[in-house]
């Protein structure tokens, strides 16, 4: 490449046909290559070459319309630019192509076309001397005089004026200034023409200008027009020169990296404005000092980054999120306690404990302005209103509300977010929720926190430890943000059906409030205050068209639903409304005169033949009143019956009370005996704890058989001698476990061995010991409510559970007779009419006194 005439390009050059633009000497341009000829040139010449010579190619502007391009070789432009490929990047999306970064070296003319396939190869003649790019400025400047020197000086001064309109604090602009001072004047027309706004036709005119004088004459009007356009743009927009410099500097820097930006193009103008606006938003977000430093650092990186880089969009998205987060935005709490009490009472009936806790929070907020948000956990069966009361609390406080469903979540990234190094990374659901509500003190409901999963992606329950810890959540760090965010003002409310599946460490961080099921009276009130009006509105009915008396509501609750909440009850009301809607819609077919001839009284039992509509023209009498007969026509026969007394007609049957996540339930225990070898059989899918309770009961009864006159089938004193016992717990498909069935098993076996019937209106619960003591159990309120729903009149409880009776509604305690027992003697005495034989002669347990 070197000769006596100076540095030379190869005489034979492969030619790249360019549709995208014109490459001028001294500029760097990025080309996308996807045509067959150009693809072969890259794969066979650039990628396989091992010398510097193999990286030099010729770039010829292709003036043919690319939409009408064919395989035939177009007429080649007479002048091209030799360039060196400094970067080659391949991709298969959206179709196979290469991206080349080429720096122009010098002009050449095509002498002879050597071959057309697989790529174009031509004999070329070099037109420019490469030495001019390394000649010192003083030498190049003093060598020229006359008109050329005057043009060169004028062009240089215009370029200096253009730079004066840009911000010199931007590193790339300062670098261009240094290049302007160091490059020979002869190269300025090519370099400047490649950077400013010009059409391909104008660039071709500069490329075709073989003499320096002609190049200066072609490029100088373009530069002058650019300066005038920027001056007019600045006046038209009426913005400060500093902002204009900053906007233009961003675009100028992009051009210096070889990307041909248009300084007047509107899209680029918006990009520059967006960056400036983003910087203003960062300073206006009022974020903490640590977060502000991170944002300014990322913003500085963003300004230096070309938009083609994948990291540009990631950084931009990160900054957009940072400025959208409510670092200092908050809503003002409504601290009127009387108004809050009224609103809570209107939204929800009962739930006194939850309402009292909210009012306590408001009272403390009145006394102390800065108070950390409480972290509450509502635990109760489904359908009792845990989620809806959370929304009502937010409305009472005047705060924003956001619900996060945690059921089935098994990835800790859902809570903490993904690190930004991952593809498709995003912040966690806590940060996303704060961005959605746009305040830093909302009410966030963590729904179904007891149903969190665990997988190889981590334990989300462990990630919640930081969120729900009042001592840590003031500096919660999301993996995506990687800076601390203050969650201490957020009111977190978690909901769960049971605490058994919540890790102890997480449960310890929350204030647990039990939300038991409703009594029948409470359900009637809820139905007539909320459920029935809501269903009437959803089905387009009015109270003048449908009336459901309280007696009918009580029948629906007792005979068609048996649940702790009110979801099934609401569905039953929905079924009634749909049936009435059919009647009302059919009545609309009748003419108005027929429908309004007279006012008829309300028809009691107007659905006696609801399912048969024989007279299409009959107008239903309004309002339609739902009675017992209509209930059976619409909802079918009753699903539940009071079966306690019917099932206690034989010895060996007792009723216990059980707790489930769905609320309390009554539990039957049946026992029978037959001749055998003294074996005990247990059925009903029992857990280990319940099996041990059965063995305890057998052992205690055998030890006290003489005291209570218990015998086997042959009348012997050992109840198990020559006798096999079978204990069964009905509903065999349901798994059962727990210690609270101990007293029920003892009562059942005592009934079997003595031949006496257990009272038909009694139910019981309690754990037993081998010495006959009755120990306390949990879930008393849910169990008592289940007994009340089932029609039980007497409930036997452990004596140490007497404190739990204070939480029961007054109407429940008035309807039930509670017997608190400290030992099994008292249990048996209360479970049988007239007491149990041997009670008077039994040994009372000695009173233990402390010797300390």
Foldseek 3Di string as FASTA:
>chain_A
DQDPVGDDADQKAFEDEAAPFAAFAQFKAKGKFDDQQNVCLCVVQVVPDDDQNSQKHKYWYDPDDPVPDDPDDDDTDFKIFIWGFPDWDWDCPPHTIIMTIIHTQFMKGFDAFDDPPPTTMTRIGTQDHNCQFVDFQVVLQVVDDDPLNVLLVLQLVLVVVVLVLADCVPPLSVVVVVCSNGHHSLCVLRHVVQAEDDDRVLNVQLRPPRDSSSSSVSRVVVSVVRSVVLVVVCVVVVDDSVLSNQLQNLSSSVRRVNYHGYSPDVVSSVVSVVLVVLVVLLVVLPADPVLSVVLVVLSVVLSNDDPVDPVNVLSVVLSVLSSLFNQPFADAWDLPLVQLLVLLVLQDPDPVVVNVVLNVVSVVCVVPVDDFAAAAEEAEAPAACQPVVLVSSQVSGVFAEEEDEQAAAAALCLAQWDASVDPPTDWHPVSVRSSVRSHLAHEYEHEALLRHHHDPNGGNLVSCLQVLALVRQCFRHRNHSRGGGGNRNYHYYYYHLDCPSRDPSSVVSHHYDYRYFDFLVSLLVCCVSPLLVVLCVVLVHDLFAEDEDSVNLSCCPQFVDDFRHCPVVSVLSNLVSVLSSVLQVLQVVADPCVQPVDQDDEDDPQCLVSVDDPDSNDRHHIHHYQDPNNSCVRVNGGPDDLCLLVVQPWALKAWAWDADSGFIAIWIKGKDKDFDALEEAEAQQEDPLVVVLLVLLLLLCQVCQVLQVFADPVSHSGNRHRMYMYMYIPPSVDHDYDQFCNLVSNLSVSRRRVGATWDSQEYETFGADSVFFTHADDRVQRRLSNSVSSRHAEYEGAQVCPVVVVPHDPVSPVRHHYHHDGGSQSVQQVGGPPGGHNSVVDDDDDDDDDPD
